[in-house]
Amino acid sequence: MFNVVKGREGHRIEVVKTDDYENWFSAQTEFVCNWLAHSGFTGTGHVLIPNAQGNLDRVLLVSDEPDSVWVLSELAINLPVANFYIEGDEQSQYRAALGWVLGQYQYSRYLETPQKQATLFVSDDAAHQRVVNEARGVYLTRDLINTPAGDMMPEHLSEAMQNLAAEHSAHFSEIVGDDLLAQNFPTIHLVGRASVHAPRLLDLTWGDPSHPKLTLVGKGVCFDSGGLDLKPASGMRLMKKDMGGAAHVLGLASLIMANKLPVRLRVLVPAVENAVSGNAFRPGDIVKTRKGLTVEIDNTDAEGRLVLCDALALADDEQPDLLIDFATLTGAARVALGLEVPGYYSTDDGVAQALQAGGDEAEDAIWRLPLHQGYAEFMKGTISDLVNGAAKPFGGSITAALYLQHFVEQSPWVHFDVGAWNDRPRPGRPVGGDAMGLRAVFTALQKRYS
């Protein structure tokens, strides 16, 4: 599945810090020094070093940050198709190999001949297993987001979640179509009822019931046309990624289960398509949520918070030790932080600090935003308890989070507002769907439940 293999074969990759390059150079043989000088290598980037017969001997990489998780990411896609290995302790091998495999990601479902790539051998067994577990979670998230909506509707998302449950001996159940109304999930049904693809609430549980309860909720809007408040073509083009929150919680669940964290895990995914038809919900409609609060629809394109609120209310009823949701919720968060730094909100300062530390350790950027209660009045209705869209155009990510907070009253809660999409290639992070904040959260969870 990945071009990272246990063992020690092939050509050595030698990583040298930029400041140490001159000392390294002075310790080399005359042959190597002459080769580097005549090949025009200036001490930046990588170079292939041959042996006396002219065959490849090793690879030199000079980097400002040799300990970064991304140090081998570009090398992984630029080296010739051959076997390579790295040396070092478990942690250094893990970090380097993880960046390697994340850098080599290709979404190849519709390609006849995926690009062949170099293979990295890792001698430390524990490092290799950590890389495989983590890469599986990130690849799952990326694959789900990158899949076109025609092949990733609610029923397909259900299938992916069932496969994950089977892989880890977890329990899976779902509530489909009009059964959502019968079991009191009116907002999920409201948003998804106009589609020929029936709305669903997907539910996975795993782990010892005596362990602390950890609940993940992911927005699963498999395609968002905007509903009757129809998006323009430019705004609709990437809406296959609007189930990115669901993809994140499935990737995170994969990591949690593969690493056997001592938690009682529950994953809830409201899966819908926000489509247009004769029975689509309308601006001005009022819906009574699972929690009993009424919501007036200001804009049918603010549907993510509607499907989430019923799922969050269900999750909060169990009073888990920690409740985390991921959602591609607002463009406002992207305006504030750009596409590369997901924002998050937390009702628990200790959890927020742990998440920030996890992001720093994993080199997975996240940033805390404020649940500023002064904006809460913007979400109050006049003929309903709440509205799903604020009348004021400012602070849109905050007001969306404040709306969701009405449905979480008993549990420590974290809400991630993620873009789930890279619009430019970066080391280890190609253009397309991506897991943003996932590794930060997992690092924090490992420490919390160790």
Protein backbone atom coordinates (compact mmCIF):
# COMPACT_ATOMS: atom_id res chain seq x y z
CA MET A 1 0.00 0.00 0.00
CA PHE A 2 2.86 2.38 0.84
CA ASN A 3 6.43 2.57 -0.45
CA VAL A 4 7.78 2.22 3.09
CA VAL A 5 9.09 -1.24 3.93
CA LYS A 6 10.67 -2.83 6.98
CA GLY A 7 14.37 -3.58 6.55
CA ARG A 8 17.61 -2.03 5.36
CA GLU A 9 18.18 -2.25 1.61
CA GLY A 10 19.28 -0.05 -1.22
CA HIS A 11 21.08 3.27 -1.18
CA ARG A 12 21.60 5.32 1.96
CA ILE A 13 19.99 8.73 2.31
CA GLU A 14 22.33 10.96 4.30
CA VAL A 15 20.77 14.10 5.76
CA VAL A 16 23.07 16.99 6.72
CA LYS A 17 22.07 20.24 8.34
CA THR A 18 22.84 23.29 6.22
CA ASP A 19 25.13 24.81 8.87
CA ASP A 20 27.14 21.56 9.04
CA TYR A 21 27.63 21.10 5.30
CA GLU A 22 31.14 22.60 5.09
CA ASN A 23 32.39 20.33 7.89
CA TRP A 24 30.74 17.35 6.22
CA PHE A 25 32.28 18.27 2.86
CA SER A 26 35.77 18.53 4.33
CA ALA A 27 35.51 14.98 5.68
CA GLN A 28 34.69 13.40 2.29
CA THR A 29 37.01 11.61 -0.09
CA GLU A 30 38.66 13.46 -2.96
CA PHE A 31 36.38 11.60 -5.37
CA VAL A 32 33.21 12.78 -3.62
CA CYS A 33 34.48 16.36 -3.28
CA ASN A 34 35.38 16.50 -6.97
CA TRP A 35 32.01 15.04 -7.95
CA LEU A 36 30.09 17.60 -5.92
CA ALA A 37 32.23 20.46 -7.19
CA HIS A 38 31.95 19.49 -10.87
CA SER A 39 28.23 18.64 -10.67
CA GLY A 40 27.52 22.19 -9.54
CA PHE A 41 26.08 21.24 -6.15
CA THR A 42 26.02 24.32 -3.93
CA GLY A 43 25.07 22.77 -0.61
CA THR A 44 21.33 23.20 -0.98
CA GLY A 45 18.78 20.46 -1.70
CA HIS A 46 19.79 16.95 -2.74
CA VAL A 47 22.34 15.32 -4.99
CA LEU A 48 22.98 11.73 -6.13
CA ILE A 49 26.50 10.55 -5.35
CA PRO A 50 27.94 7.72 -7.51
CA ASN A 51 30.51 5.08 -6.65
CA ALA A 52 33.76 4.57 -8.55
CA GLN A 53 31.96 2.49 -11.19
CA GLY A 54 29.48 5.26 -11.89
CA ASN A 55 26.53 3.53 -10.22
CA LEU A 56 24.43 5.22 -7.58
CA ASP A 57 26.03 4.95 -4.15
CA ARG A 58 24.02 7.25 -1.85
CA VAL A 59 21.89 10.38 -1.70
CA LEU A 60 22.93 13.54 0.09
CA LEU A 61 20.21 15.87 1.34
CA VAL A 62 21.17 19.22 2.86
CA SER A 63 18.35 20.78 4.86
CA ASP A 64 17.77 23.67 7.24
CA GLU A 65 15.47 21.40 9.26
CA PRO A 66 16.85 17.85 9.19
CA ASP A 67 14.56 16.75 12.04
CA SER A 68 11.36 17.98 10.40
CA VAL A 69 8.67 15.45 9.57
CA TRP A 70 8.70 16.89 6.04
CA VAL A 71 12.45 16.55 5.43
CA LEU A 72 12.13 13.67 2.92
CA SER A 73 8.78 14.64 1.40
CA GLU A 74 10.09 16.26 -1.78
CA LEU A 75 12.91 13.75 -2.09
CA ALA A 76 10.33 10.95 -2.08
CA ILE A 77 8.81 12.14 -5.36
CA ASN A 78 12.05 13.24 -7.04
CA LEU A 79 14.33 10.24 -6.56
CA PRO A 80 14.64 7.57 -9.26
CA VAL A 81 12.61 4.38 -8.81
CA ALA A 82 14.95 2.39 -6.58
CA ASN A 83 15.37 1.28 -2.96
CA PHE A 84 16.69 3.65 -0.30
CA TYR A 85 17.15 3.54 3.46
CA ILE A 86 17.64 5.89 6.38
CA GLU A 87 19.38 5.47 9.69
CA GLY A 88 18.62 6.80 13.16
CA ASP A 89 16.60 6.04 16.27
CA GLU A 90 12.89 5.14 16.26
CA GLN A 91 11.65 8.73 16.46
CA SER A 92 13.87 10.09 13.70
CA GLN A 93 13.06 7.17 11.40
CA TYR A 94 9.35 7.55 12.11
CA ARG A 95 9.28 11.27 11.35
CA ALA A 96 11.35 10.99 8.18
CA ALA A 97 9.43 7.98 6.86
CA LEU A 98 6.06 9.56 7.61
CA GLY A 99 6.95 12.64 5.56
CA TRP A 100 8.16 10.33 2.81
CA VAL A 101 4.91 8.38 2.54
CA LEU A 102 2.66 11.45 2.89
CA GLY A 103 4.66 13.13 0.14
CA GLN A 104 4.15 10.17 -2.20
CA TYR A 105 0.36 10.16 -1.92
CA GLN A 106 -1.44 9.86 -5.25
CA TYR A 107 -5.18 9.70 -5.81
CA SER A 108 -5.07 7.04 -8.49
CA ARG A 109 -8.58 5.55 -8.52
CA TYR A 110 -9.27 6.79 -12.05
CA LEU A 111 -5.71 6.50 -13.43
CA GLU A 112 -4.75 3.55 -15.60
CA THR A 113 -1.06 3.80 -14.71
CA PRO A 114 -0.20 5.55 -11.42
CA GLN A 115 3.27 7.04 -11.24
CA LYS A 116 5.93 4.62 -9.99
CA GLN A 117 7.94 5.88 -7.05
CA ALA A 118 11.01 5.09 -4.98
CA THR A 119 10.83 2.81 -1.92
CA LEU A 120 12.14 3.65 1.54
CA PHE A 121 13.35 0.94 3.92
CA VAL A 122 12.98 1.53 7.65
CA SER A 123 14.98 -0.70 9.98
CA ASP A 124 13.10 0.11 13.19
CA ASP A 125 9.98 -2.08 13.45
CA ALA A 126 8.12 0.25 15.82
CA ALA A 127 8.81 3.26 13.59
CA HIS A 128 7.55 1.35 10.55
CA GLN A 129 4.30 0.36 12.26
CA ARG A 130 3.66 3.90 13.48
CA VAL A 131 4.15 5.22 9.95
CA VAL A 132 1.80 2.63 8.44
CA ASN A 133 -0.93 3.33 11.01
CA GLU A 134 -0.70 7.08 10.58
CA ALA A 135 -0.45 6.99 6.81
CA ARG A 136 -3.54 4.77 6.59
CA GLY A 137 -5.55 7.34 8.53
CA VAL A 138 -4.33 10.28 6.44
CA TYR A 139 -4.69 8.38 3.14
CA LEU A 140 -8.25 7.36 4.06
CA THR A 141 -9.15 10.99 4.73
CA ARG A 142 -7.53 12.19 1.52
CA ASP A 143 -9.10 9.44 -0.60
CA LEU A 144 -12.61 10.11 0.70
CA ILE A 145 -12.34 13.86 0.06
CA ASN A 146 -10.82 13.42 -3.40
CA THR A 147 -13.50 11.00 -4.59
CA PRO A 148 -15.99 12.71 -6.93
CA ALA A 149 -19.45 13.18 -5.47
CA GLY A 150 -20.98 10.76 -7.97
CA ASP A 151 -19.03 7.99 -6.25
CA MET A 152 -19.22 9.43 -2.71
CA MET A 153 -22.88 9.89 -1.86
CA PRO A 154 -24.33 9.01 1.59
CA GLU A 155 -24.57 5.33 0.73
CA HIS A 156 -20.92 5.26 -0.38
CA LEU A 157 -19.83 7.04 2.80
CA SER A 158 -21.81 4.41 4.71
CA GLU A 159 -19.93 1.67 2.88
CA ALA A 160 -16.57 3.25 3.72
CA MET A 161 -17.53 3.44 7.39
CA GLN A 162 -18.74 -0.16 7.38
CA ASN A 163 -15.42 -1.27 5.88
CA LEU A 164 -13.54 0.60 8.59
CA ALA A 165 -15.71 -0.99 11.28
CA ALA A 166 -15.11 -4.47 9.86
CA GLU A 167 -11.35 -3.89 9.72
CA HIS A 168 -11.23 -3.10 13.45
CA SER A 169 -14.08 -5.31 14.72
CA ALA A 170 -16.19 -2.25 15.56
CA HIS A 171 -19.99 -2.08 15.56
CA PHE A 172 -21.76 -0.14 12.82
CA SER A 173 -25.39 0.94 12.49
CA GLU A 174 -27.28 3.55 10.49
CA ILE A 175 -30.63 5.31 10.36
CA VAL A 176 -31.81 5.95 6.81
CA GLY A 177 -34.41 8.14 5.12
CA ASP A 178 -37.75 8.70 6.85
CA ASP A 179 -36.57 6.63 9.81
CA LEU A 180 -34.63 9.77 10.75
CA LEU A 181 -37.93 11.48 11.44
CA ALA A 182 -39.25 8.50 13.38
CA GLN A 183 -36.15 8.54 15.59
CA ASN A 184 -36.06 12.32 16.04
CA PHE A 185 -33.31 13.57 13.73
CA PRO A 186 -35.34 16.21 11.90
CA THR A 187 -32.57 18.53 10.74
CA ILE A 188 -30.55 15.74 9.10
CA HIS A 189 -33.69 14.67 7.25
CA LEU A 190 -34.56 18.27 6.35
CA VAL A 191 -31.28 18.94 4.57
CA GLY A 192 -31.08 15.59 2.80
CA ARG A 193 -34.68 14.95 1.80
CA ALA A 194 -34.48 16.60 -1.64
CA SER A 195 -31.83 14.17 -2.91
CA VAL A 196 -32.44 10.79 -4.53
CA HIS A 197 -29.64 9.64 -2.22
CA ALA A 198 -31.38 9.13 1.12
CA PRO A 199 -29.95 10.99 4.13
CA ARG A 200 -28.41 8.86 6.87
CA LEU A 201 -26.97 9.01 10.34
CA LEU A 202 -23.96 6.69 10.45
CA ASP A 203 -22.85 5.34 13.84
CA LEU A 204 -19.70 3.39 14.74
CA THR A 205 -18.71 2.21 18.24
CA TRP A 206 -15.52 0.52 19.34
CA GLY A 207 -13.58 -0.26 22.49
CA ASP A 208 -14.16 -1.28 26.09
CA PRO A 209 -17.35 0.32 27.49
CA SER A 210 -15.54 0.86 30.79
CA HIS A 211 -12.97 3.16 29.16
CA PRO A 212 -13.44 6.94 28.87
CA LYS A 213 -15.96 7.89 26.21
CA LEU A 214 -14.54 9.73 23.22
CA THR A 215 -17.07 10.83 20.60
CA LEU A 216 -16.25 12.18 17.14
CA VAL A 217 -18.82 13.88 14.92
CA GLY A 218 -18.13 14.67 11.26
CA LYS A 219 -20.10 16.74 8.78
CA GLY A 220 -20.96 14.44 5.87
CA VAL A 221 -22.48 16.72 3.23
CA CYS A 222 -21.46 14.63 0.24
CA PHE A 223 -22.25 17.42 -2.20
CA ASP A 224 -23.47 20.92 -1.48
CA SER A 225 -25.29 22.69 -4.28
CA GLY A 226 -26.34 25.34 -1.78
CA GLY A 227 -29.94 24.13 -2.00
CA LEU A 228 -32.50 26.68 -3.13
CA ASP A 229 -29.97 29.39 -2.23
CA LEU A 230 -27.95 27.93 -5.07
CA LYS A 231 -24.19 28.42 -5.18
CA PRO A 232 -22.59 29.92 -8.30
CA ALA A 233 -20.59 27.53 -10.46
CA SER A 234 -17.30 28.69 -8.98
CA GLY A 235 -18.55 28.02 -5.46
CA MET A 236 -19.90 24.60 -6.37
CA ARG A 237 -16.84 23.24 -8.19
CA LEU A 238 -15.10 21.74 -5.15
CA MET A 239 -18.18 20.85 -3.12
CA LYS A 240 -17.28 17.16 -3.27
CA LYS A 241 -15.06 18.13 -0.33
CA ASP A 242 -18.00 19.20 1.83
CA MET A 243 -17.93 15.79 3.48
CA GLY A 244 -14.38 16.57 4.60
CA GLY A 245 -15.41 16.61 8.26
CA ALA A 246 -16.69 13.04 7.95
CA ALA A 247 -13.47 12.06 6.19
CA HIS A 248 -11.46 13.54 9.06
CA VAL A 249 -13.29 11.66 11.81
CA LEU A 250 -13.01 8.37 9.89
CA GLY A 251 -9.27 8.93 9.43
CA LEU A 252 -8.91 9.82 13.10
CA ALA A 253 -10.97 6.78 14.12
CA SER A 254 -8.68 4.61 12.00
CA LEU A 255 -5.67 5.95 13.92
CA ILE A 256 -7.34 5.50 17.30
CA MET A 257 -8.37 1.92 16.62
CA ALA A 258 -5.13 0.87 14.92
CA ASN A 259 -3.16 2.17 17.92
CA LYS A 260 -5.66 0.65 20.37
CA LEU A 261 -6.13 3.77 22.48
CA PRO A 262 -7.93 2.85 25.74
CA VAL A 263 -11.17 4.70 24.93
CA ARG A 264 -14.79 3.87 24.25
CA LEU A 265 -15.00 5.40 20.79
CA ARG A 266 -18.16 6.56 19.08
CA VAL A 267 -18.21 8.11 15.61
CA LEU A 268 -21.33 9.86 14.31
CA VAL A 269 -21.63 11.04 10.71
CA PRO A 270 -24.78 12.76 9.42
CA ALA A 271 -24.51 11.98 5.69
CA VAL A 272 -26.62 13.95 3.21
CA GLU A 273 -26.64 15.59 -0.19
CA ASN A 274 -27.87 19.20 -0.17
CA ALA A 275 -29.76 19.03 -3.45
CA VAL A 276 -32.54 20.93 -5.22
CA SER A 277 -35.93 19.43 -5.99
CA GLY A 278 -39.61 20.09 -5.35
CA ASN A 279 -39.34 19.08 -1.70
CA ALA A 280 -36.13 20.97 -0.88
CA PHE A 281 -36.24 23.01 2.31
CA ARG A 282 -36.74 26.73 1.84
CA PRO A 283 -35.49 30.05 3.26
CA GLY A 284 -37.99 31.02 5.94
CA ASP A 285 -38.88 27.45 6.91
CA ILE A 286 -38.69 26.56 10.59
CA VAL A 287 -37.53 23.20 11.90
CA LYS A 288 -37.67 21.82 15.42
CA THR A 289 -34.36 20.16 16.22
CA ARG A 290 -33.71 16.98 18.17
CA LYS A 291 -32.90 19.11 21.21
CA GLY A 292 -36.25 20.88 20.96
CA LEU A 293 -34.91 24.26 19.87
CA THR A 294 -36.58 25.74 16.80
CA VAL A 295 -34.47 27.11 13.95
CA GLU A 296 -35.56 29.45 11.16
CA ILE A 297 -33.75 28.87 7.89
CA ASP A 298 -32.07 32.08 6.82
CA ASN A 299 -30.02 30.44 4.07
CA THR A 300 -30.21 26.89 2.74
CA ASP A 301 -26.47 27.05 2.04
CA ALA A 302 -25.80 27.11 5.80
CA GLU A 303 -26.77 23.45 5.95
CA GLY A 304 -23.71 21.99 7.68
CA ARG A 305 -24.64 23.34 11.09
CA LEU A 306 -28.14 21.91 10.62
CA VAL A 307 -27.00 18.33 10.05
CA LEU A 308 -24.42 18.64 12.82
CA CYS A 309 -26.76 19.96 15.50
CA ASP A 310 -28.88 16.80 15.76
CA ALA A 311 -25.77 14.58 15.82
CA LEU A 312 -24.13 16.76 18.48
CA ALA A 313 -27.27 16.66 20.61
CA LEU A 314 -27.24 12.85 20.47
CA ALA A 315 -23.53 12.75 21.34
CA ASP A 316 -23.92 15.18 24.23
CA ASP A 317 -26.68 13.06 25.79
CA GLU A 318 -24.04 10.45 26.67
CA GLN A 319 -21.82 13.07 28.36
CA PRO A 320 -18.58 11.74 26.86
CA ASP A 321 -15.21 12.52 28.39
CA LEU A 322 -14.48 14.51 25.23
CA LEU A 323 -16.56 15.44 22.18
CA ILE A 324 -14.82 16.58 18.98
CA ASP A 325 -16.42 17.55 15.70
CA PHE A 326 -14.84 18.30 12.33
CA ALA A 327 -16.65 20.23 9.62
CA THR A 328 -15.95 22.12 6.41
CA LEU A 329 -18.28 24.69 7.88
CA THR A 330 -17.50 28.25 6.80
CA GLY A 331 -15.62 30.25 4.23
CA ALA A 332 -15.14 32.81 6.99
CA ALA A 333 -12.59 30.56 8.70
CA ARG A 334 -10.63 30.40 5.44
CA VAL A 335 -10.72 34.19 5.12
CA ALA A 336 -9.37 34.49 8.67
CA LEU A 337 -6.70 31.77 8.57
CA GLY A 338 -6.26 30.72 4.95
CA LEU A 339 -6.52 27.18 3.63
CA GLU A 340 -3.48 25.83 5.47
CA VAL A 341 -4.35 26.51 9.12
CA PRO A 342 -7.65 25.07 10.38
CA GLY A 343 -9.34 26.96 13.17
CA TYR A 344 -10.77 25.27 16.22
CA TYR A 345 -12.92 26.22 19.20
CA SER A 346 -12.94 24.63 22.63
CA THR A 347 -14.97 24.94 25.81
CA ASP A 348 -12.03 23.51 27.79
CA ASP A 349 -8.79 25.51 28.06
CA GLY A 350 -6.76 22.49 29.10
CA VAL A 351 -7.89 20.53 26.06
CA ALA A 352 -7.13 23.50 23.82
CA GLN A 353 -3.59 23.78 25.20
CA ALA A 354 -3.04 20.06 24.68
CA LEU A 355 -4.24 20.33 21.08
CA GLN A 356 -1.92 23.24 20.37
CA ALA A 357 1.00 21.29 21.82
CA GLY A 358 -0.01 18.29 19.72
CA GLY A 359 -0.02 20.44 16.60
CA ASP A 360 3.44 21.78 17.36
CA GLU A 361 4.83 18.29 17.98
CA ALA A 362 3.24 16.78 14.87
CA GLU A 363 4.02 19.81 12.66
CA ASP A 364 0.29 19.95 11.91
CA ALA A 365 -0.73 23.60 12.16
CA ILE A 366 -3.95 24.53 13.99
CA TRP A 367 -5.14 27.76 15.63
CA ARG A 368 -7.67 28.39 18.39
CA LEU A 369 -10.47 30.86 17.69
CA PRO A 370 -12.69 32.45 20.35
CA LEU A 371 -16.22 31.41 21.27
CA HIS A 372 -17.00 35.10 21.75
CA GLN A 373 -20.38 35.14 23.49
CA GLY A 374 -20.99 38.73 22.48
CA TYR A 375 -21.90 37.46 19.01
CA ALA A 376 -24.41 34.90 20.30
CA GLU A 377 -27.30 37.33 19.89
CA PHE A 378 -26.70 37.31 16.12
CA MET A 379 -27.99 33.73 16.02
CA LYS A 380 -31.21 34.41 17.94
CA GLY A 381 -34.47 34.24 16.04
CA THR A 382 -37.51 36.52 16.22
CA ILE A 383 -40.14 33.85 15.50
CA SER A 384 -37.88 30.92 16.46
CA ASP A 385 -35.26 30.15 19.08
CA LEU A 386 -32.39 30.36 16.59
CA VAL A 387 -31.59 31.20 12.99
CA ASN A 388 -29.10 29.22 10.94
CA GLY A 389 -27.38 32.30 9.55
CA ALA A 390 -26.38 35.59 11.16
CA ALA A 391 -27.72 38.82 9.67
CA LYS A 392 -24.28 40.42 10.03
CA PRO A 393 -21.55 39.28 7.60
CA PHE A 394 -18.70 39.44 10.13
CA GLY A 395 -17.24 36.70 12.32
CA GLY A 396 -18.99 33.97 10.36
CA SER A 397 -16.94 31.10 11.72
CA ILE A 398 -17.53 32.27 15.29
CA THR A 399 -21.28 32.65 14.86
CA ALA A 400 -21.47 29.17 13.31
CA ALA A 401 -19.60 27.74 16.29
CA LEU A 402 -21.89 29.60 18.70
CA TYR A 403 -24.89 28.08 16.94
CA LEU A 404 -23.45 24.58 17.46
CA GLN A 405 -22.66 25.33 21.11
CA HIS A 406 -26.40 25.43 21.85
CA PHE A 407 -26.44 21.67 21.26
CA VAL A 408 -23.47 20.76 23.50
CA GLU A 409 -24.13 21.58 27.15
CA GLN A 410 -22.76 18.66 29.16
CA SER A 411 -19.46 17.66 27.53
CA PRO A 412 -16.00 19.17 27.00
CA TRP A 413 -16.24 20.10 23.33
CA VAL A 414 -13.91 20.92 20.46
CA HIS A 415 -15.12 22.14 17.07
CA PHE A 416 -12.79 22.17 14.05
CA ASP A 417 -13.68 24.39 11.08
CA VAL A 418 -11.44 22.95 8.34
CA GLY A 419 -10.96 23.64 4.66
CA ALA A 420 -9.84 20.05 3.94
CA TRP A 421 -8.20 21.10 0.67
CA ASN A 422 -4.70 22.09 -0.44
CA ASP A 423 -4.72 24.59 -3.30
CA ARG A 424 -0.95 24.49 -3.77
CA PRO A 425 1.65 21.73 -3.47
CA ARG A 426 3.71 21.72 -0.27
CA PRO A 427 6.19 19.12 1.01
CA GLY A 428 4.14 16.07 2.00
CA ARG A 429 0.87 17.79 1.13
CA PRO A 430 -0.05 17.59 -2.59
CA VAL A 431 -2.87 19.56 -4.16
CA GLY A 432 -6.27 18.10 -3.29
CA GLY A 433 -8.07 16.78 -0.25
CA ASP A 434 -6.07 16.63 2.95
CA ALA A 435 -6.27 15.77 6.64
CA MET A 436 -5.87 19.05 8.49
CA GLY A 437 -5.48 18.99 12.25
CA LEU A 438 -5.95 15.21 12.32
CA ARG A 439 -2.40 14.38 13.41
CA ALA A 440 -2.44 17.25 15.93
CA VAL A 441 -5.58 15.84 17.53
CA PHE A 442 -4.28 12.28 17.56
CA THR A 443 -1.02 13.36 19.21
CA ALA A 444 -3.01 15.11 21.94
CA LEU A 445 -5.35 12.12 22.36
CA GLN A 446 -2.41 9.75 22.76
CA LYS A 447 -1.13 11.81 25.66
CA ARG A 448 -4.58 12.27 27.21
CA TYR A 449 -5.38 8.56 27.19
CA SER A 450 -1.94 7.02 27.70
